Amino acid sequence: MSIPIDPSFSTVGPEWGVGSIGGTQAPASGGNFGGVLGKQLEQLSASQTDATQQASALATGQVQDPSSVVMAVERAQLEMQLATTLRNKGVEAIQELMRTQV
């Protein structure tokens, strides 16, 4: 039994852009951890703002494609979960360092 593939479902386009996973992108010359962290937090904030705006547009009936709104909201939620997890791991690491006896 074969299941037909819906040609309207595409995994390409800007809504699927999650960045480089393979690690082939070289870090910017002269960049530091604080600068990279700040840039990522700005992108997180922009993602959250975009999701909020799209959800508001959907609620007022201004959006033609609800799936793009769902993608934006889910992307923002996953990015926030990742940021929260990284923050928690960083706090745990610092606490462990503080407990380490020299």
PDB file of N, CA and C in Angstrom:
ATOM      1  N   MET A   1       0.835  -1.172   0.000  1.00  0.00           N
ATOM      2  CA  MET A   1       0.000   0.000   0.000  1.00  0.00           C
ATOM      3  C   MET A   1       0.885   1.241   0.000  1.00  0.00           C
ATOM      4  N   SER A   2       0.666   2.121  -0.941  1.00  0.00           N
ATOM      5  CA  SER A   2       1.465   3.335  -1.002  1.00  0.00           C
ATOM      6  C   SER A   2       0.616   4.528  -0.580  1.00  0.00           C
ATOM      7  N   ILE A   3       1.260   5.433   0.114  1.00  0.00           N
ATOM      8  CA  ILE A   3       0.591   6.639   0.584  1.00  0.00           C
ATOM      9  C   ILE A   3       0.956   7.771  -0.381  1.00  0.00           C
ATOM     10  N   PRO A   4      -0.038   8.451  -0.932  1.00  0.00           N
ATOM     11  CA  PRO A   4       0.279   9.545  -1.851  1.00  0.00           C
ATOM     12  C   PRO A   4       0.959  10.697  -1.112  1.00  0.00           C
ATOM     13  N   ILE A   5       1.894  11.323  -1.786  1.00  0.00           N
ATOM     14  CA  ILE A   5       2.620  12.451  -1.215  1.00  0.00           C
ATOM     15  C   ILE A   5       1.959  13.736  -1.685  1.00  0.00           C
ATOM     16  N   ASP A   6       1.637  14.574  -0.754  1.00  0.00           N
ATOM     17  CA  ASP A   6       0.997  15.844  -1.055  1.00  0.00           C
ATOM     18  C   ASP A   6       2.052  16.801  -1.617  1.00  0.00           C
ATOM     19  N   PRO A   7       1.954  17.191  -2.898  1.00  0.00           N
ATOM     20  CA  PRO A   7       2.966  18.079  -3.481  1.00  0.00           C
ATOM     21  C   PRO A   7       2.912  19.494  -2.918  1.00  0.00           C
ATOM     22  N   SER A   8       1.831  19.848  -2.240  1.00  0.00           N
ATOM     23  CA  SER A   8       1.748  21.197  -1.679  1.00  0.00           C
ATOM     24  C   SER A   8       2.575  21.327  -0.403  1.00  0.00           C
ATOM     25  N   PHE A   9       2.972  20.200   0.182  1.00  0.00           N
ATOM     26  CA  PHE A   9       3.800  20.240   1.379  1.00  0.00           C
ATOM     27  C   PHE A   9       5.257  20.304   0.958  1.00  0.00           C
ATOM     28  N   SER A  10       5.868  21.439   1.199  1.00  0.00           N
ATOM     29  CA  SER A  10       7.248  21.644   0.793  1.00  0.00           C
ATOM     30  C   SER A  10       8.107  21.913   2.010  1.00  0.00           C
ATOM     31  N   THR A  11       9.323  21.414   1.989  1.00  0.00           N
ATOM     32  CA  THR A  11      10.242  21.651   3.103  1.00  0.00           C
ATOM     33  C   THR A  11      11.326  22.632   2.720  1.00  0.00           C
ATOM     34  N   VAL A  12      11.043  23.484   1.760  1.00  0.00           N
ATOM     35  CA  VAL A  12      11.990  24.524   1.385  1.00  0.00           C
ATOM     36  C   VAL A  12      11.293  25.870   1.530  1.00  0.00           C
ATOM     37  N   GLY A  13      12.085  26.893   1.647  1.00  0.00           N
ATOM     38  CA  GLY A  13      11.534  28.224   1.771  1.00  0.00           C
ATOM     39  C   GLY A  13      11.989  28.890   3.044  1.00  0.00           C
ATOM     40  N   PRO A  14      11.684  30.162   3.199  1.00  0.00           N
ATOM     41  CA  PRO A  14      12.187  30.904   4.361  1.00  0.00           C
ATOM     42  C   PRO A  14      11.635  30.401   5.683  1.00  0.00           C
ATOM     43  N   GLU A  15      10.444  29.818   5.680  1.00  0.00           N
ATOM     44  CA  GLU A  15       9.886  29.335   6.940  1.00  0.00           C
ATOM     45  C   GLU A  15      10.607  28.114   7.470  1.00  0.00           C
ATOM     46  N   TRP A  16      11.413  27.468   6.635  1.00  0.00           N
ATOM     47  CA  TRP A  16      12.167  26.291   7.083  1.00  0.00           C
ATOM     48  C   TRP A  16      13.626  26.633   7.371  1.00  0.00           C
ATOM     49  N   GLY A  17      14.003  27.869   7.217  1.00  0.00           N
ATOM     50  CA  GLY A  17      15.397  28.260   7.419  1.00  0.00           C
ATOM     51  C   GLY A  17      15.780  28.230   8.885  1.00  0.00           C
ATOM     52  N   VAL A  18      16.510  27.225   9.319  1.00  0.00           N
ATOM     53  CA  VAL A  18      16.918  27.105  10.713  1.00  0.00           C
ATOM     54  C   VAL A  18      18.412  27.300  10.882  1.00  0.00           C
ATOM     55  N   GLY A  19      19.091  27.732   9.838  1.00  0.00           N
ATOM     56  CA  GLY A  19      20.517  27.984   9.961  1.00  0.00           C
ATOM     57  C   GLY A  19      21.346  26.757   9.637  1.00  0.00           C
ATOM     58  N   SER A  20      22.641  26.917   9.741  1.00  0.00           N
ATOM     59  CA  SER A  20      23.577  25.857   9.428  1.00  0.00           C
ATOM     60  C   SER A  20      23.646  24.843  10.560  1.00  0.00           C
ATOM     61  N   ILE A  21      23.539  23.578  10.208  1.00  0.00           N
ATOM     62  CA  ILE A  21      23.615  22.523  11.211  1.00  0.00           C
ATOM     63  C   ILE A  21      24.959  21.803  11.130  1.00  0.00           C
ATOM     64  N   GLY A  22      25.525  21.735   9.938  1.00  0.00           N
ATOM     65  CA  GLY A  22      26.738  20.972   9.728  1.00  0.00           C
ATOM     66  C   GLY A  22      27.993  21.574  10.323  1.00  0.00           C
ATOM     67  N   GLY A  23      27.930  22.805  10.778  1.00  0.00           N
ATOM     68  CA  GLY A  23      29.104  23.430  11.361  1.00  0.00           C
ATOM     69  C   GLY A  23      30.137  23.828  10.331  1.00  0.00           C
ATOM     70  N   THR A  24      29.741  23.988   9.071  1.00  0.00           N
ATOM     71  CA  THR A  24      30.689  24.344   8.032  1.00  0.00           C
ATOM     72  C   THR A  24      30.946  25.833   7.987  1.00  0.00           C
ATOM     73  N   GLN A  25      30.156  26.614   8.687  1.00  0.00           N
ATOM     74  CA  GLN A  25      30.318  28.050   8.675  1.00  0.00           C
ATOM     75  C   GLN A  25      31.381  28.439   9.692  1.00  0.00           C
ATOM     76  N   ALA A  26      32.396  29.172   9.232  1.00  0.00           N
ATOM     77  CA  ALA A  26      33.474  29.585  10.115  1.00  0.00           C
ATOM     78  C   ALA A  26      33.003  30.754  10.979  1.00  0.00           C
ATOM     79  N   PRO A  27      33.454  30.814  12.219  1.00  0.00           N
ATOM     80  CA  PRO A  27      33.079  31.939  13.063  1.00  0.00           C
ATOM     81  C   PRO A  27      33.661  33.235  12.527  1.00  0.00           C
ATOM     82  N   ALA A  28      32.966  34.318  12.791  1.00  0.00           N
ATOM     83  CA  ALA A  28      33.427  35.621  12.315  1.00  0.00           C
ATOM     84  C   ALA A  28      34.742  35.977  12.989  1.00  0.00           C
ATOM     85  N   SER A  29      35.621  36.590  12.230  1.00  0.00           N
ATOM     86  CA  SER A  29      36.918  36.961  12.747  1.00  0.00           C
ATOM     87  C   SER A  29      36.758  38.054  13.801  1.00  0.00           C
ATOM     88  N   GLY A  30      37.406  37.897  14.930  1.00  0.00           N
ATOM     89  CA  GLY A  30      37.373  38.898  15.981  1.00  0.00           C
ATOM     90  C   GLY A  30      36.123  38.855  16.832  1.00  0.00           C
ATOM     91  N   GLY A  31      35.221  37.896  16.588  1.00  0.00           N
ATOM     92  CA  GLY A  31      33.997  37.806  17.379  1.00  0.00           C
ATOM     93  C   GLY A  31      34.287  37.236  18.747  1.00  0.00           C
ATOM     94  N   ASN A  32      33.483  37.620  19.713  1.00  0.00           N
ATOM     95  CA  ASN A  32      33.654  37.065  21.044  1.00  0.00           C
ATOM     96  C   ASN A  32      32.340  36.445  21.489  1.00  0.00           C
ATOM     97  N   PHE A  33      32.385  35.724  22.580  1.00  0.00           N
ATOM     98  CA  PHE A  33      31.208  35.012  23.058  1.00  0.00           C
ATOM     99  C   PHE A  33      30.070  35.968  23.382  1.00  0.00           C
ATOM    100  N   GLY A  34      30.381  37.075  24.016  1.00  0.00           N
ATOM    101  CA  GLY A  34      29.355  38.050  24.369  1.00  0.00           C
ATOM    102  C   GLY A  34      28.667  38.628  23.147  1.00  0.00           C
ATOM    103  N   GLY A  35      29.437  38.892  22.094  1.00  0.00           N
ATOM    104  CA  GLY A  35      28.856  39.417  20.862  1.00  0.00           C
ATOM    105  C   GLY A  35      27.949  38.409  20.181  1.00  0.00           C
ATOM    106  N   VAL A  36      28.382  37.173  20.137  1.00  0.00           N
ATOM    107  CA  VAL A  36      27.575  36.110  19.529  1.00  0.00           C
ATOM    108  C   VAL A  36      26.305  35.896  20.343  1.00  0.00           C
ATOM    109  N   LEU A  37      26.437  35.875  21.660  1.00  0.00           N
ATOM    110  CA  LEU A  37      25.277  35.694  22.530  1.00  0.00           C
ATOM    111  C   LEU A  37      24.280  36.842  22.358  1.00  0.00           C
ATOM    112  N   GLY A  38      24.794  38.066  22.287  1.00  0.00           N
ATOM    113  CA  GLY A  38      23.926  39.220  22.087  1.00  0.00           C
ATOM    114  C   GLY A  38      23.184  39.154  20.767  1.00  0.00           C
ATOM    115  N   LYS A  39      23.879  38.737  19.718  1.00  0.00           N
ATOM    116  CA  LYS A  39      23.249  38.616  18.398  1.00  0.00           C
ATOM    117  C   LYS A  39      22.147  37.562  18.425  1.00  0.00           C
ATOM    118  N   GLN A  40      22.401  36.445  19.060  1.00  0.00           N
ATOM    119  CA  GLN A  40      21.399  35.380  19.138  1.00  0.00           C
ATOM    120  C   GLN A  40      20.187  35.812  19.955  1.00  0.00           C
ATOM    121  N   LEU A  41      20.411  36.577  21.017  1.00  0.00           N
ATOM    122  CA  LEU A  41      19.290  37.073  21.811  1.00  0.00           C
ATOM    123  C   LEU A  41      18.450  38.076  21.026  1.00  0.00           C
ATOM    124  N   GLU A  42      19.107  38.878  20.189  1.00  0.00           N
ATOM    125  CA  GLU A  42      18.369  39.800  19.324  1.00  0.00           C
ATOM    126  C   GLU A  42      17.519  39.029  18.320  1.00  0.00           C
ATOM    127  N   GLN A  43      18.066  37.954  17.758  1.00  0.00           N
ATOM    128  CA  GLN A  43      17.305  37.126  16.828  1.00  0.00           C
ATOM    129  C   GLN A  43      16.133  36.447  17.525  1.00  0.00           C
ATOM    130  N   LEU A  44      16.328  36.026  18.765  1.00  0.00           N
ATOM    131  CA  LEU A  44      15.244  35.429  19.545  1.00  0.00           C
ATOM    132  C   LEU A  44      14.134  36.449  19.781  1.00  0.00           C
ATOM    133  N   SER A  45      14.522  37.654  20.122  1.00  0.00           N
ATOM    134  CA  SER A  45      13.536  38.710  20.343  1.00  0.00           C
ATOM    135  C   SER A  45      12.777  39.022  19.059  1.00  0.00           C
ATOM    136  N   ALA A  46      13.484  39.076  17.939  1.00  0.00           N
ATOM    137  CA  ALA A  46      12.833  39.341  16.653  1.00  0.00           C
ATOM    138  C   ALA A  46      11.865  38.223  16.289  1.00  0.00           C
ATOM    139  N   SER A  47      12.246  36.998  16.565  1.00  0.00           N
ATOM    140  CA  SER A  47      11.384  35.851  16.286  1.00  0.00           C
ATOM    141  C   SER A  47      10.120  35.907  17.133  1.00  0.00           C
ATOM    142  N   GLN A  48      10.271  36.256  18.413  1.00  0.00           N
ATOM    143  CA  GLN A  48       9.123  36.375  19.302  1.00  0.00           C
ATOM    144  C   GLN A  48       8.181  37.496  18.835  1.00  0.00           C
ATOM    145  N   THR A  49       8.763  38.615  18.423  1.00  0.00           N
ATOM    146  CA  THR A  49       7.962  39.740  17.941  1.00  0.00           C
ATOM    147  C   THR A  49       7.219  39.370  16.663  1.00  0.00           C
ATOM    148  N   ASP A  50       7.905  38.686  15.753  1.00  0.00           N
ATOM    149  CA  ASP A  50       7.285  38.270  14.495  1.00  0.00           C
ATOM    150  C   ASP A  50       6.118  37.315  14.759  1.00  0.00           C
ATOM    151  N   ALA A  51       6.316  36.369  15.655  1.00  0.00           N
ATOM    152  CA  ALA A  51       5.256  35.419  15.973  1.00  0.00           C
ATOM    153  C   ALA A  51       4.056  36.137  16.584  1.00  0.00           C
ATOM    154  N   THR A  52       4.312  37.102  17.441  1.00  0.00           N
ATOM    155  CA  THR A  52       3.224  37.868  18.060  1.00  0.00           C
ATOM    156  C   THR A  52       2.451  38.656  17.017  1.00  0.00           C
ATOM    157  N   GLN A  53       3.176  39.308  16.102  1.00  0.00           N
ATOM    158  CA  GLN A  53       2.523  40.091  15.053  1.00  0.00           C
ATOM    159  C   GLN A  53       1.697  39.200  14.129  1.00  0.00           C
ATOM    160  N   GLN A  54       2.249  38.052  13.765  1.00  0.00           N
ATOM    161  CA  GLN A  54       1.516  37.143  12.885  1.00  0.00           C
ATOM    162  C   GLN A  54       0.286  36.563  13.575  1.00  0.00           C
ATOM    163  N   ALA A  55       0.392  36.261  14.855  1.00  0.00           N
ATOM    164  CA  ALA A  55      -0.762  35.741  15.595  1.00  0.00           C
ATOM    165  C   ALA A  55      -1.851  36.807  15.691  1.00  0.00           C
ATOM    166  N   SER A  56      -1.468  38.057  15.898  1.00  0.00           N
ATOM    167  CA  SER A  56      -2.440  39.153  15.935  1.00  0.00           C
ATOM    168  C   SER A  56      -3.110  39.333  14.587  1.00  0.00           C
ATOM    169  N   ALA A  57      -2.319  39.227  13.511  1.00  0.00           N
ATOM    170  CA  ALA A  57      -2.877  39.351  12.165  1.00  0.00           C
ATOM    171  C   ALA A  57      -3.841  38.208  11.875  1.00  0.00           C
ATOM    172  N   LEU A  58      -3.540  37.023  12.354  1.00  0.00           N
ATOM    173  CA  LEU A  58      -4.434  35.885  12.174  1.00  0.00           C
ATOM    174  C   LEU A  58      -5.745  36.109  12.937  1.00  0.00           C
ATOM    175  N   ALA A  59      -5.640  36.639  14.143  1.00  0.00           N
ATOM    176  CA  ALA A  59      -6.829  36.871  14.956  1.00  0.00           C
ATOM    177  C   ALA A  59      -7.753  37.925  14.343  1.00  0.00           C
ATOM    178  N   THR A  60      -7.167  38.871  13.618  1.00  0.00           N
ATOM    179  CA  THR A  60      -7.979  39.919  12.998  1.00  0.00           C
ATOM    180  C   THR A  60      -8.393  39.574  11.574  1.00  0.00           C
ATOM    181  N   GLY A  61      -8.000  38.398  11.094  1.00  0.00           N
ATOM    182  CA  GLY A  61      -8.415  37.952   9.766  1.00  0.00           C
ATOM    183  C   GLY A  61      -7.603  38.515   8.620  1.00  0.00           C
ATOM    184  N   GLN A  62      -6.413  39.004   8.883  1.00  0.00           N
ATOM    185  CA  GLN A  62      -5.571  39.601   7.854  1.00  0.00           C
ATOM    186  C   GLN A  62      -4.627  38.608   7.191  1.00  0.00           C
ATOM    187  N   VAL A  63      -4.597  37.376   7.658  1.00  0.00           N
ATOM    188  CA  VAL A  63      -3.663  36.378   7.137  1.00  0.00           C
ATOM    189  C   VAL A  63      -4.403  35.408   6.224  1.00  0.00           C
ATOM    190  N   GLN A  64      -3.809  35.147   5.056  1.00  0.00           N
ATOM    191  CA  GLN A  64      -4.400  34.210   4.109  1.00  0.00           C
ATOM    192  C   GLN A  64      -3.957  32.770   4.371  1.00  0.00           C
ATOM    193  N   ASP A  65      -2.745  32.614   4.907  1.00  0.00           N
ATOM    194  CA  ASP A  65      -2.168  31.280   5.104  1.00  0.00           C
ATOM    195  C   ASP A  65      -1.928  31.025   6.598  1.00  0.00           C
ATOM    196  N   PRO A  66      -2.853  30.369   7.279  1.00  0.00           N
ATOM    197  CA  PRO A  66      -2.669  30.125   8.712  1.00  0.00           C
ATOM    198  C   PRO A  66      -1.479  29.227   9.033  1.00  0.00           C
ATOM    199  N   SER A  67      -1.068  28.389   8.094  1.00  0.00           N
ATOM    200  CA  SER A  67       0.058  27.493   8.380  1.00  0.00           C
ATOM    201  C   SER A  67       1.356  28.274   8.580  1.00  0.00           C
ATOM    202  N   SER A  68       1.506  29.414   7.907  1.00  0.00           N
ATOM    203  CA  SER A  68       2.715  30.219   8.115  1.00  0.00           C
ATOM    204  C   SER A  68       2.733  30.807   9.522  1.00  0.00           C
ATOM    205  N   VAL A  69       1.559  31.129  10.046  1.00  0.00           N
ATOM    206  CA  VAL A  69       1.471  31.645  11.411  1.00  0.00           C
ATOM    207  C   VAL A  69       1.837  30.545  12.407  1.00  0.00           C
ATOM    208  N   VAL A  70       1.320  29.355  12.166  1.00  0.00           N
ATOM    209  CA  VAL A  70       1.629  28.230  13.049  1.00  0.00           C
ATOM    210  C   VAL A  70       3.130  27.953  13.034  1.00  0.00           C
ATOM    211  N   MET A  71       3.744  28.008  11.850  1.00  0.00           N
ATOM    212  CA  MET A  71       5.196  27.788  11.743  1.00  0.00           C
ATOM    213  C   MET A  71       5.961  28.846  12.526  1.00  0.00           C
ATOM    214  N   ALA A  72       5.556  30.105  12.414  1.00  0.00           N
ATOM    215  CA  ALA A  72       6.250  31.192  13.111  1.00  0.00           C
ATOM    216  C   ALA A  72       6.122  31.040  14.623  1.00  0.00           C
ATOM    217  N   VAL A  73       4.940  30.702  15.090  1.00  0.00           N
ATOM    218  CA  VAL A  73       4.720  30.541  16.527  1.00  0.00           C
ATOM    219  C   VAL A  73       5.502  29.337  17.053  1.00  0.00           C
ATOM    220  N   GLU A  74       5.478  28.234  16.335  1.00  0.00           N
ATOM    221  CA  GLU A  74       6.225  27.046  16.769  1.00  0.00           C
ATOM    222  C   GLU A  74       7.726  27.307  16.763  1.00  0.00           C
ATOM    223  N   ARG A  75       8.218  28.009  15.746  1.00  0.00           N
ATOM    224  CA  ARG A  75       9.644  28.338  15.676  1.00  0.00           C
ATOM    225  C   ARG A  75      10.030  29.191  16.885  1.00  0.00           C
ATOM    226  N   ALA A  76       9.198  30.196  17.201  1.00  0.00           N
ATOM    227  CA  ALA A  76       9.482  31.065  18.343  1.00  0.00           C
ATOM    228  C   ALA A  76       9.460  30.268  19.644  1.00  0.00           C
ATOM    229  N   GLN A  77       8.514  29.342  19.767  1.00  0.00           N
ATOM    230  CA  GLN A  77       8.428  28.527  20.980  1.00  0.00           C
ATOM    231  C   GLN A  77       9.663  27.629  21.122  1.00  0.00           C
ATOM    232  N   LEU A  78      10.084  27.006  20.037  1.00  0.00           N
ATOM    233  CA  LEU A  78      11.261  26.132  20.100  1.00  0.00           C
ATOM    234  C   LEU A  78      12.529  26.928  20.399  1.00  0.00           C
ATOM    235  N   GLU A  79      12.646  28.114  19.809  1.00  0.00           N
ATOM    236  CA  GLU A  79      13.810  28.948  20.089  1.00  0.00           C
ATOM    237  C   GLU A  79      13.844  29.358  21.556  1.00  0.00           C
ATOM    238  N   MET A  80      12.694  29.670  22.117  1.00  0.00           N
ATOM    239  CA  MET A  80      12.639  30.051  23.531  1.00  0.00           C
ATOM    240  C   MET A  80      12.979  28.858  24.418  1.00  0.00           C
ATOM    241  N   GLN A  81      12.507  27.671  24.070  1.00  0.00           N
ATOM    242  CA  GLN A  81      12.854  26.470  24.846  1.00  0.00           C
ATOM    243  C   GLN A  81      14.348  26.213  24.803  1.00  0.00           C
ATOM    244  N   LEU A  82      14.957  26.390  23.629  1.00  0.00           N
ATOM    245  CA  LEU A  82      16.403  26.190  23.506  1.00  0.00           C
ATOM    246  C   LEU A  82      17.158  27.213  24.342  1.00  0.00           C
ATOM    247  N   ALA A  83      16.750  28.470  24.276  1.00  0.00           N
ATOM    248  CA  ALA A  83      17.421  29.513  25.058  1.00  0.00           C
ATOM    249  C   ALA A  83      17.288  29.244  26.551  1.00  0.00           C
ATOM    250  N   THR A  84      16.116  28.809  26.981  1.00  0.00           N
ATOM    251  CA  THR A  84      15.905  28.506  28.394  1.00  0.00           C
ATOM    252  C   THR A  84      16.770  27.325  28.833  1.00  0.00           C
ATOM    253  N   THR A  85      16.849  26.304  28.008  1.00  0.00           N
ATOM    254  CA  THR A  85      17.673  25.140  28.329  1.00  0.00           C
ATOM    255  C   THR A  85      19.145  25.529  28.417  1.00  0.00           C
ATOM    256  N   LEU A  86      19.608  26.339  27.466  1.00  0.00           N
ATOM    257  CA  LEU A  86      21.007  26.770  27.496  1.00  0.00           C
ATOM    258  C   LEU A  86      21.295  27.616  28.733  1.00  0.00           C
ATOM    259  N   ARG A  87      20.360  28.489  29.081  1.00  0.00           N
ATOM    260  CA  ARG A  87      20.533  29.303  30.288  1.00  0.00           C
ATOM    261  C   ARG A  87      20.619  28.414  31.521  1.00  0.00           C
ATOM    262  N   ASN A  88      19.719  27.446  31.628  1.00  0.00           N
ATOM    263  CA  ASN A  88      19.722  26.549  32.788  1.00  0.00           C
ATOM    264  C   ASN A  88      21.012  25.749  32.877  1.00  0.00           C
ATOM    265  N   LYS A  89      21.495  25.272  31.738  1.00  0.00           N
ATOM    266  CA  LYS A  89      22.759  24.506  31.739  1.00  0.00           C
ATOM    267  C   LYS A  89      23.923  25.402  32.130  1.00  0.00           C
ATOM    268  N   GLY A  90      23.909  26.647  31.677  1.00  0.00           N
ATOM    269  CA  GLY A  90      24.963  27.594  32.056  1.00  0.00           C
ATOM    270  C   GLY A  90      24.953  27.879  33.543  1.00  0.00           C
ATOM    271  N   VAL A  91      23.775  28.075  34.107  1.00  0.00           N
ATOM    272  CA  VAL A  91      23.652  28.320  35.547  1.00  0.00           C
ATOM    273  C   VAL A  91      24.128  27.102  36.326  1.00  0.00           C
ATOM    274  N   GLU A  92      23.744  25.916  35.891  1.00  0.00           N
ATOM    275  CA  GLU A  92      24.191  24.690  36.561  1.00  0.00           C
ATOM    276  C   GLU A  92      25.705  24.563  36.511  1.00  0.00           C
ATOM    277  N   ALA A  93      26.305  24.905  35.372  1.00  0.00           N
ATOM    278  CA  ALA A  93      27.760  24.812  35.239  1.00  0.00           C
ATOM    279  C   ALA A  93      28.459  25.791  36.179  1.00  0.00           C
ATOM    280  N   ILE A  94      27.935  27.012  36.275  1.00  0.00           N
ATOM    281  CA  ILE A  94      28.536  27.998  37.173  1.00  0.00           C
ATOM    282  C   ILE A  94      28.387  27.558  38.626  1.00  0.00           C
ATOM    283  N   GLN A  95      27.213  27.035  38.975  1.00  0.00           N
ATOM    284  CA  GLN A  95      27.014  26.553  40.340  1.00  0.00           C
ATOM    285  C   GLN A  95      27.960  25.404  40.672  1.00  0.00           C
ATOM    286  N   GLU A  96      28.186  24.529  39.700  1.00  0.00           N
ATOM    287  CA  GLU A  96      29.116  23.417  39.917  1.00  0.00           C
ATOM    288  C   GLU A  96      30.552  23.937  40.112  1.00  0.00           C
ATOM    289  N   LEU A  97      30.915  24.945  39.346  1.00  0.00           N
ATOM    290  CA  LEU A  97      32.249  25.535  39.514  1.00  0.00           C
ATOM    291  C   LEU A  97      32.394  26.171  40.898  1.00  0.00           C
ATOM    292  N   MET A  98      31.341  26.810  41.358  1.00  0.00           N
ATOM    293  CA  MET A  98      31.389  27.444  42.677  1.00  0.00           C
ATOM    294  C   MET A  98      31.501  26.409  43.796  1.00  0.00           C
ATOM    295  N   ARG A  99      30.949  25.227  43.603  1.00  0.00           N
ATOM    296  CA  ARG A  99      31.031  24.173  44.614  1.00  0.00           C
ATOM    297  C   ARG A  99      32.378  23.432  44.590  1.00  0.00           C
ATOM    298  N   THR A 100      33.120  23.604  43.510  1.00  0.00           N
ATOM    299  CA  THR A 100      34.393  22.913  43.372  1.00  0.00           C
ATOM    300  C   THR A 100      35.412  23.474  44.370  1.00  0.00           C
ATOM    301  N   GLN A 101      36.029  22.602  45.126  1.00  0.00           N
ATOM    302  CA  GLN A 101      37.041  23.032  46.085  1.00  0.00           C
ATOM    303  C   GLN A 101      38.388  23.012  45.424  1.00  0.00           C
ATOM    304  N   VAL A 102      39.179  24.006  45.713  1.00  0.00           N
ATOM    305  CA  VAL A 102      40.483  24.119  45.093  1.00  0.00           C
ATOM    306  C   VAL A 102      41.557  23.616  46.010  1.00  0.00           C
TER     307      VAL A 102
END
